[in-house]
Amino acid sequence: MEQTLVILKPDAVQRGLVGAIVARFEAKGLKLAGMKLMRISRELAERNYAVHRGKDFYEPLLAFMTAGPVVAMVLEGNDAVRVARALMGSTFGPDAQPGTIRGDFGLSKRYNLVHGSDSAASAQQEIALFFAPGEILEYQRAGDAWTYARRDSELI
């Protein structure tokens, strides 16, 4: 199963949307493998968003991400990166489709509620920034047999 990092940004925490957002990922069938409430340091924010260094939104993004607590999560599931990003919706709330997290809860082009890894490779790098190996759990959920159909060992 693939893992991805999702961060519920300070606006999601301050607006009391953590439960509603986490519920959407769980209802889809993604499994929580790690989760913590934390403050992101400037150094961690710089490392996580290094690809955006030099862009006009870089400094405002760092200020935003360090302004309040966030919830960092490791989600696990078949094609977890793509599925999580689809649930999040387009980057900017006003442009996001209804039914997505940003489409239902977001109106800002600066405060967009959630961060999600954009590839399996970046997910591995980002997870390592936010979680120590012992903070990510392996376990079976009773409902997993009803989330994924299988043909022999293949997920279908």
N, C-alpha and C. Protein backbone atom coordinates (compact mmCIF):
# COMPACT_ATOMS: atom_id res chain seq x y z
N MET A 1 0.84 -1.18 0.00
CA MET A 1 0.00 0.00 0.00
C MET A 1 0.88 1.25 0.00
N GLU A 2 0.42 2.26 -0.68
CA GLU A 2 1.14 3.52 -0.78
C GLU A 2 0.80 4.42 0.41
N GLN A 3 1.78 5.23 0.81
CA GLN A 3 1.56 6.22 1.87
C GLN A 3 1.74 7.62 1.30
N THR A 4 1.04 8.57 1.92
CA THR A 4 1.16 9.97 1.53
C THR A 4 1.10 10.84 2.78
N LEU A 5 1.71 12.00 2.69
CA LEU A 5 1.63 12.97 3.77
C LEU A 5 0.53 13.97 3.46
N VAL A 6 -0.31 14.23 4.44
CA VAL A 6 -1.32 15.29 4.35
C VAL A 6 -1.16 16.15 5.58
N ILE A 7 -1.14 17.46 5.37
CA ILE A 7 -1.08 18.41 6.48
C ILE A 7 -2.35 19.23 6.48
N LEU A 8 -3.05 19.24 7.59
CA LEU A 8 -4.18 20.15 7.77
C LEU A 8 -3.57 21.44 8.26
N LYS A 9 -3.65 22.46 7.44
CA LYS A 9 -2.93 23.72 7.66
C LYS A 9 -3.56 24.53 8.80
N PRO A 10 -2.89 25.61 9.23
CA PRO A 10 -3.41 26.39 10.36
C PRO A 10 -4.85 26.87 10.18
N ASP A 11 -5.26 27.18 8.95
CA ASP A 11 -6.65 27.64 8.77
C ASP A 11 -7.65 26.52 9.04
N ALA A 12 -7.31 25.29 8.69
CA ALA A 12 -8.20 24.16 8.98
C ALA A 12 -8.33 23.94 10.47
N VAL A 13 -7.20 24.04 11.19
CA VAL A 13 -7.22 23.86 12.65
C VAL A 13 -8.00 24.99 13.30
N GLN A 14 -7.71 26.24 12.93
CA GLN A 14 -8.35 27.39 13.55
C GLN A 14 -9.85 27.44 13.26
N ARG A 15 -10.27 26.93 12.13
CA ARG A 15 -11.69 26.94 11.77
C ARG A 15 -12.45 25.73 12.31
N GLY A 16 -11.76 24.84 13.02
CA GLY A 16 -12.43 23.68 13.60
C GLY A 16 -12.87 22.65 12.58
N LEU A 17 -12.08 22.51 11.51
CA LEU A 17 -12.43 21.58 10.43
C LEU A 17 -11.66 20.27 10.45
N VAL A 18 -10.83 20.07 11.47
CA VAL A 18 -9.99 18.87 11.50
C VAL A 18 -10.83 17.60 11.41
N GLY A 19 -11.84 17.47 12.25
CA GLY A 19 -12.66 16.25 12.25
C GLY A 19 -13.36 16.03 10.93
N ALA A 20 -13.93 17.08 10.36
CA ALA A 20 -14.65 16.95 9.09
C ALA A 20 -13.71 16.54 7.96
N ILE A 21 -12.50 17.09 7.96
CA ILE A 21 -11.55 16.76 6.89
C ILE A 21 -11.01 15.34 7.05
N VAL A 22 -10.62 14.99 8.27
CA VAL A 22 -10.12 13.63 8.50
C VAL A 22 -11.21 12.61 8.14
N ALA A 23 -12.45 12.91 8.48
CA ALA A 23 -13.56 11.99 8.18
C ALA A 23 -13.67 11.72 6.68
N ARG A 24 -13.40 12.70 5.86
CA ARG A 24 -13.48 12.50 4.40
C ARG A 24 -12.43 11.51 3.91
N PHE A 25 -11.22 11.64 4.43
CA PHE A 25 -10.17 10.69 4.03
C PHE A 25 -10.51 9.28 4.51
N GLU A 26 -10.98 9.16 5.74
CA GLU A 26 -11.34 7.84 6.28
C GLU A 26 -12.54 7.25 5.56
N ALA A 27 -13.53 8.08 5.27
CA ALA A 27 -14.73 7.57 4.59
C ALA A 27 -14.40 7.04 3.19
N LYS A 28 -13.39 7.62 2.56
CA LYS A 28 -12.96 7.15 1.25
C LYS A 28 -12.28 5.79 1.34
N GLY A 29 -11.73 5.49 2.52
CA GLY A 29 -11.06 4.21 2.72
C GLY A 29 -9.58 4.33 3.02
N LEU A 30 -9.04 5.56 3.04
CA LEU A 30 -7.64 5.74 3.41
C LEU A 30 -7.47 5.51 4.91
N LYS A 31 -6.39 4.85 5.26
CA LYS A 31 -6.13 4.49 6.66
C LYS A 31 -5.13 5.45 7.28
N LEU A 32 -5.40 5.90 8.50
CA LEU A 32 -4.45 6.70 9.26
C LEU A 32 -3.33 5.81 9.74
N ALA A 33 -2.10 6.12 9.33
CA ALA A 33 -0.94 5.38 9.80
C ALA A 33 -0.12 6.20 10.79
N GLY A 34 -0.35 7.51 10.81
CA GLY A 34 0.32 8.41 11.74
C GLY A 34 -0.42 9.73 11.76
N MET A 35 -0.44 10.37 12.93
CA MET A 35 -1.14 11.65 13.05
C MET A 35 -0.64 12.39 14.27
N LYS A 36 -0.39 13.71 14.10
CA LYS A 36 0.00 14.50 15.26
C LYS A 36 -0.33 15.97 15.05
N LEU A 37 -0.69 16.60 16.16
CA LEU A 37 -0.87 18.05 16.22
C LEU A 37 0.49 18.63 16.55
N MET A 38 0.91 19.63 15.77
CA MET A 38 2.25 20.17 15.96
C MET A 38 2.32 21.59 15.44
N ARG A 39 3.39 22.26 15.80
CA ARG A 39 3.75 23.54 15.20
C ARG A 39 4.93 23.29 14.28
N ILE A 40 4.85 23.82 13.09
CA ILE A 40 5.94 23.68 12.13
C ILE A 40 6.93 24.83 12.35
N SER A 41 8.18 24.47 12.53
CA SER A 41 9.22 25.50 12.68
C SER A 41 9.52 26.11 11.31
N ARG A 42 10.13 27.26 11.32
CA ARG A 42 10.54 27.91 10.07
C ARG A 42 11.47 26.98 9.28
N GLU A 43 12.41 26.35 9.98
CA GLU A 43 13.36 25.45 9.32
C GLU A 43 12.63 24.28 8.63
N LEU A 44 11.69 23.67 9.32
CA LEU A 44 10.94 22.56 8.73
C LEU A 44 10.11 23.04 7.54
N ALA A 45 9.47 24.18 7.67
CA ALA A 45 8.70 24.74 6.56
C ALA A 45 9.59 25.00 5.36
N GLU A 46 10.78 25.55 5.59
CA GLU A 46 11.73 25.81 4.49
C GLU A 46 12.13 24.51 3.81
N ARG A 47 12.36 23.47 4.58
CA ARG A 47 12.74 22.18 3.99
C ARG A 47 11.60 21.57 3.20
N ASN A 48 10.38 21.65 3.75
CA ASN A 48 9.24 21.03 3.08
C ASN A 48 8.86 21.76 1.79
N TYR A 49 9.01 23.07 1.79
CA TYR A 49 8.59 23.87 0.63
C TYR A 49 9.77 24.40 -0.17
N ALA A 50 10.92 23.75 -0.08
CA ALA A 50 12.14 24.19 -0.77
C ALA A 50 11.93 24.33 -2.28
N VAL A 51 11.09 23.53 -2.88
CA VAL A 51 10.88 23.61 -4.33
C VAL A 51 10.27 24.94 -4.74
N HIS A 52 9.66 25.65 -3.81
CA HIS A 52 9.02 26.93 -4.12
C HIS A 52 9.90 28.14 -3.80
N ARG A 53 11.11 27.89 -3.27
CA ARG A 53 12.03 29.00 -2.93
C ARG A 53 12.20 29.91 -4.14
N GLY A 54 12.10 31.22 -3.89
CA GLY A 54 12.26 32.20 -4.96
C GLY A 54 10.96 32.61 -5.63
N LYS A 55 9.89 31.87 -5.40
CA LYS A 55 8.59 32.24 -5.97
C LYS A 55 7.95 33.32 -5.10
N ASP A 56 7.07 34.09 -5.68
CA ASP A 56 6.49 35.22 -4.95
C ASP A 56 5.66 34.80 -3.74
N PHE A 57 5.15 33.60 -3.73
CA PHE A 57 4.32 33.15 -2.61
C PHE A 57 5.11 32.41 -1.53
N TYR A 58 6.40 32.23 -1.73
CA TYR A 58 7.21 31.43 -0.80
C TYR A 58 7.21 32.00 0.62
N GLU A 59 7.58 33.24 0.79
CA GLU A 59 7.63 33.83 2.13
C GLU A 59 6.25 33.88 2.80
N PRO A 60 5.20 34.31 2.09
CA PRO A 60 3.86 34.26 2.71
C PRO A 60 3.45 32.83 3.09
N LEU A 61 3.84 31.84 2.28
CA LEU A 61 3.53 30.44 2.60
C LEU A 61 4.23 30.02 3.88
N LEU A 62 5.50 30.35 4.03
CA LEU A 62 6.23 30.01 5.24
C LEU A 62 5.61 30.68 6.47
N ALA A 63 5.25 31.96 6.33
CA ALA A 63 4.62 32.68 7.44
C ALA A 63 3.29 32.03 7.83
N PHE A 64 2.52 31.64 6.84
CA PHE A 64 1.23 30.99 7.08
C PHE A 64 1.41 29.64 7.77
N MET A 65 2.31 28.82 7.26
CA MET A 65 2.47 27.46 7.79
C MET A 65 3.05 27.45 9.20
N THR A 66 3.71 28.51 9.61
CA THR A 66 4.29 28.58 10.95
C THR A 66 3.45 29.42 11.91
N ALA A 67 2.31 29.93 11.46
CA ALA A 67 1.49 30.85 12.25
C ALA A 67 0.65 30.18 13.33
N GLY A 68 0.43 28.89 13.23
CA GLY A 68 -0.41 28.20 14.20
C GLY A 68 -0.24 26.71 14.08
N PRO A 69 -0.92 25.96 14.94
CA PRO A 69 -0.78 24.50 14.88
C PRO A 69 -1.34 23.91 13.60
N VAL A 70 -0.76 22.79 13.22
CA VAL A 70 -1.22 22.00 12.07
C VAL A 70 -1.43 20.56 12.54
N VAL A 71 -2.12 19.78 11.73
CA VAL A 71 -2.23 18.35 11.97
C VAL A 71 -1.54 17.65 10.80
N ALA A 72 -0.47 16.94 11.11
CA ALA A 72 0.25 16.17 10.09
C ALA A 72 -0.22 14.73 10.15
N MET A 73 -0.48 14.16 8.97
CA MET A 73 -0.99 12.79 8.91
C MET A 73 -0.26 11.99 7.84
N VAL A 74 -0.08 10.73 8.11
CA VAL A 74 0.34 9.77 7.10
C VAL A 74 -0.90 8.94 6.80
N LEU A 75 -1.32 8.99 5.54
CA LEU A 75 -2.47 8.21 5.10
C LEU A 75 -1.97 7.09 4.21
N GLU A 76 -2.63 5.95 4.29
CA GLU A 76 -2.19 4.77 3.56
C GLU A 76 -3.36 4.18 2.79
N GLY A 77 -3.08 3.73 1.58
CA GLY A 77 -4.11 3.07 0.78
C GLY A 77 -3.61 2.85 -0.62
N ASN A 78 -4.40 2.13 -1.38
CA ASN A 78 -4.08 1.90 -2.78
C ASN A 78 -4.12 3.24 -3.52
N ASP A 79 -3.00 3.61 -4.17
CA ASP A 79 -2.91 4.87 -4.92
C ASP A 79 -3.21 6.07 -4.03
N ALA A 80 -2.69 6.05 -2.81
CA ALA A 80 -3.03 7.04 -1.78
C ALA A 80 -2.73 8.48 -2.19
N VAL A 81 -1.63 8.72 -2.89
CA VAL A 81 -1.28 10.09 -3.28
C VAL A 81 -2.35 10.66 -4.19
N ARG A 82 -2.69 9.94 -5.24
CA ARG A 82 -3.68 10.42 -6.20
C ARG A 82 -5.05 10.57 -5.57
N VAL A 83 -5.44 9.59 -4.76
CA VAL A 83 -6.76 9.63 -4.13
C VAL A 83 -6.87 10.81 -3.16
N ALA A 84 -5.84 11.02 -2.34
CA ALA A 84 -5.87 12.13 -1.39
C ALA A 84 -5.93 13.46 -2.11
N ARG A 85 -5.16 13.61 -3.18
CA ARG A 85 -5.17 14.87 -3.92
C ARG A 85 -6.52 15.13 -4.59
N ALA A 86 -7.15 14.08 -5.07
CA ALA A 86 -8.48 14.24 -5.66
C ALA A 86 -9.49 14.70 -4.61
N LEU A 87 -9.39 14.14 -3.40
CA LEU A 87 -10.29 14.56 -2.31
C LEU A 87 -10.05 16.01 -1.92
N MET A 88 -8.80 16.48 -2.00
CA MET A 88 -8.48 17.86 -1.64
C MET A 88 -9.06 18.85 -2.64
N GLY A 89 -9.00 18.54 -3.92
CA GLY A 89 -9.49 19.44 -4.95
C GLY A 89 -8.42 20.39 -5.43
N SER A 90 -8.79 21.24 -6.37
CA SER A 90 -7.87 22.23 -6.95
C SER A 90 -7.25 23.08 -5.85
N THR A 91 -6.08 23.62 -6.13
CA THR A 91 -5.30 24.36 -5.15
C THR A 91 -6.06 25.50 -4.47
N PHE A 92 -6.82 26.23 -5.24
CA PHE A 92 -7.51 27.40 -4.70
C PHE A 92 -9.00 27.11 -4.49
N GLY A 93 -9.48 27.38 -3.28
CA GLY A 93 -10.86 27.11 -2.92
C GLY A 93 -11.89 27.64 -3.90
N PRO A 94 -11.77 28.90 -4.36
CA PRO A 94 -12.78 29.40 -5.29
C PRO A 94 -12.85 28.63 -6.61
N ASP A 95 -11.75 27.94 -6.96
CA ASP A 95 -11.68 27.19 -8.22
C ASP A 95 -12.00 25.71 -8.04
N ALA A 96 -12.04 25.24 -6.80
CA ALA A 96 -12.18 23.81 -6.54
C ALA A 96 -13.63 23.35 -6.70
N GLN A 97 -13.77 22.14 -7.18
CA GLN A 97 -15.08 21.55 -7.40
C GLN A 97 -15.81 21.30 -6.09
N PRO A 98 -17.13 21.55 -6.06
CA PRO A 98 -17.92 21.13 -4.89
C PRO A 98 -17.74 19.63 -4.66
N GLY A 99 -17.76 19.23 -3.42
CA GLY A 99 -17.54 17.83 -3.07
C GLY A 99 -16.11 17.54 -2.67
N THR A 100 -15.18 18.47 -2.99
CA THR A 100 -13.80 18.33 -2.54
C THR A 100 -13.63 19.13 -1.25
N ILE A 101 -12.56 18.87 -0.54
CA ILE A 101 -12.31 19.58 0.71
C ILE A 101 -12.19 21.08 0.45
N ARG A 102 -11.36 21.46 -0.50
CA ARG A 102 -11.19 22.88 -0.79
C ARG A 102 -12.44 23.48 -1.43
N GLY A 103 -13.14 22.71 -2.23
CA GLY A 103 -14.36 23.20 -2.87
C GLY A 103 -15.48 23.43 -1.88
N ASP A 104 -15.54 22.63 -0.84
CA ASP A 104 -16.61 22.76 0.14
C ASP A 104 -16.27 23.73 1.28
N PHE A 105 -14.99 23.85 1.61
CA PHE A 105 -14.62 24.64 2.79
C PHE A 105 -13.75 25.86 2.50
N GLY A 106 -13.26 26.03 1.26
CA GLY A 106 -12.29 27.08 0.99
C GLY A 106 -12.78 28.20 0.10
N LEU A 107 -12.43 29.42 0.45
CA LEU A 107 -12.73 30.60 -0.37
C LEU A 107 -11.49 31.40 -0.71
N SER A 108 -10.38 31.09 -0.08
CA SER A 108 -9.16 31.89 -0.23
C SER A 108 -8.21 31.29 -1.25
N LYS A 109 -7.44 32.15 -1.87
CA LYS A 109 -6.36 31.68 -2.74
C LYS A 109 -5.04 31.60 -1.98
N ARG A 110 -5.01 32.01 -0.73
CA ARG A 110 -3.81 31.93 0.10
C ARG A 110 -3.97 30.83 1.15
N TYR A 111 -5.13 30.78 1.79
CA TYR A 111 -5.40 29.79 2.82
C TYR A 111 -6.17 28.65 2.16
N ASN A 112 -5.50 27.53 1.94
CA ASN A 112 -6.16 26.45 1.20
C ASN A 112 -6.28 25.14 1.97
N LEU A 113 -6.27 25.22 3.29
CA LEU A 113 -6.69 24.16 4.20
C LEU A 113 -5.78 22.95 4.30
N VAL A 114 -5.30 22.41 3.19
CA VAL A 114 -4.57 21.15 3.24
C VAL A 114 -3.36 21.16 2.31
N HIS A 115 -2.35 20.43 2.72
CA HIS A 115 -1.19 20.15 1.88
C HIS A 115 -1.19 18.65 1.65
N GLY A 116 -0.89 18.22 0.44
CA GLY A 116 -0.74 16.79 0.16
C GLY A 116 0.44 16.55 -0.74
N SER A 117 1.15 15.48 -0.49
CA SER A 117 2.29 15.11 -1.33
C SER A 117 1.82 14.99 -2.78
N ASP A 118 2.70 15.38 -3.73
CA ASP A 118 2.31 15.36 -5.13
C ASP A 118 2.80 14.14 -5.90
N SER A 119 3.54 13.27 -5.25
CA SER A 119 4.02 12.03 -5.88
C SER A 119 4.42 11.06 -4.78
N ALA A 120 4.57 9.82 -5.16
CA ALA A 120 5.01 8.81 -4.18
C ALA A 120 6.41 9.14 -3.67
N ALA A 121 7.28 9.63 -4.56
CA ALA A 121 8.65 9.98 -4.15
C ALA A 121 8.65 11.14 -3.17
N SER A 122 7.88 12.20 -3.46
CA SER A 122 7.85 13.32 -2.53
C SER A 122 7.16 12.92 -1.23
N ALA A 123 6.20 12.01 -1.29
CA ALA A 123 5.55 11.53 -0.07
C ALA A 123 6.57 10.91 0.87
N GLN A 124 7.45 10.08 0.35
CA GLN A 124 8.47 9.45 1.19
C GLN A 124 9.38 10.49 1.82
N GLN A 125 9.78 11.48 1.04
CA GLN A 125 10.65 12.54 1.57
C GLN A 125 9.93 13.37 2.64
N GLU A 126 8.68 13.74 2.36
CA GLU A 126 7.93 14.58 3.29
C GLU A 126 7.58 13.82 4.57
N ILE A 127 7.20 12.56 4.45
CA ILE A 127 6.89 11.77 5.64
C ILE A 127 8.11 11.72 6.56
N ALA A 128 9.28 11.54 5.98
CA ALA A 128 10.51 11.48 6.77
C ALA A 128 10.81 12.80 7.48
N LEU A 129 10.35 13.93 6.92
CA LEU A 129 10.54 15.22 7.58
C LEU A 129 9.66 15.37 8.82
N PHE A 130 8.46 14.80 8.76
CA PHE A 130 7.47 15.05 9.81
C PHE A 130 7.29 13.90 10.81
N PHE A 131 7.73 12.70 10.45
CA PHE A 131 7.50 11.54 11.31
C PHE A 131 8.76 10.70 11.46
N ALA A 132 9.04 10.30 12.68
CA ALA A 132 10.09 9.32 12.94
C ALA A 132 9.51 7.94 12.63
N PRO A 133 10.34 6.97 12.26
CA PRO A 133 9.81 5.65 11.89
C PRO A 133 8.86 5.04 12.93
N GLY A 134 9.13 5.20 14.21
CA GLY A 134 8.27 4.63 15.24
C GLY A 134 6.93 5.32 15.39
N GLU A 135 6.75 6.46 14.72
CA GLU A 135 5.48 7.19 14.80
C GLU A 135 4.47 6.76 13.73
N ILE A 136 4.89 5.90 12.83
CA ILE A 136 4.01 5.39 11.78
C ILE A 136 3.69 3.94 12.12
N LEU A 137 2.41 3.65 12.22
CA LEU A 137 1.97 2.33 12.67
C LEU A 137 1.51 1.45 11.53
N GLU A 138 1.80 0.17 11.67
CA GLU A 138 1.26 -0.84 10.75
C GLU A 138 0.19 -1.60 11.51
N TYR A 139 -0.99 -1.70 10.94
CA TYR A 139 -2.08 -2.45 11.56
C TYR A 139 -3.13 -2.76 10.51
N GLN A 140 -3.96 -3.73 10.81
CA GLN A 140 -5.07 -4.10 9.93
C GLN A 140 -6.36 -3.57 10.52
N ARG A 141 -7.18 -2.98 9.68
CA ARG A 141 -8.52 -2.56 10.11
C ARG A 141 -9.50 -3.65 9.73
N ALA A 142 -10.46 -3.86 10.58
CA ALA A 142 -11.46 -4.89 10.32
C ALA A 142 -12.20 -4.63 9.02
N GLY A 143 -12.41 -3.37 8.68
CA GLY A 143 -13.16 -3.03 7.48
C GLY A 143 -12.38 -3.07 6.19
N ASP A 144 -11.06 -3.30 6.26
CA ASP A 144 -10.26 -3.29 5.04
C ASP A 144 -10.71 -4.34 4.02
N ALA A 145 -11.20 -5.46 4.50
CA ALA A 145 -11.68 -6.49 3.58
C ALA A 145 -12.88 -6.00 2.78
N TRP A 146 -13.55 -4.97 3.27
CA TRP A 146 -14.72 -4.40 2.59
C TRP A 146 -14.37 -3.12 1.83
N THR A 147 -13.14 -2.69 1.93
CA THR A 147 -12.69 -1.51 1.21
C THR A 147 -12.07 -1.89 -0.13
N TYR A 148 -11.30 -2.98 -0.14
CA TYR A 148 -10.60 -3.41 -1.34
C TYR A 148 -11.06 -4.80 -1.75
N ALA A 149 -11.53 -4.91 -2.98
CA ALA A 149 -11.81 -6.22 -3.55
C ALA A 149 -10.51 -6.79 -4.07
N ARG A 150 -10.40 -8.10 -4.03
CA ARG A 150 -9.18 -8.77 -4.51
C ARG A 150 -9.51 -9.90 -5.45
N ARG A 151 -8.65 -10.08 -6.40
CA ARG A 151 -8.65 -11.27 -7.25
C ARG A 151 -7.29 -11.89 -7.01
N ASP A 152 -7.28 -13.02 -6.32
CA ASP A 152 -6.03 -13.61 -5.84
C ASP A 152 -5.32 -12.57 -4.98
N SER A 153 -4.12 -12.16 -5.33
CA SER A 153 -3.41 -11.15 -4.52
C SER A 153 -3.52 -9.76 -5.11
N GLU A 154 -4.24 -9.61 -6.23
CA GLU A 154 -4.35 -8.32 -6.91
C GLU A 154 -5.56 -7.52 -6.38
N LEU A 155 -5.32 -6.23 -6.10
CA LEU A 155 -6.42 -5.34 -5.74
C LEU A 155 -7.20 -5.00 -6.99
N ILE A 156 -8.53 -5.07 -6.89
CA ILE A 156 -9.37 -4.69 -8.04
C ILE A 156 -10.45 -3.73 -7.58
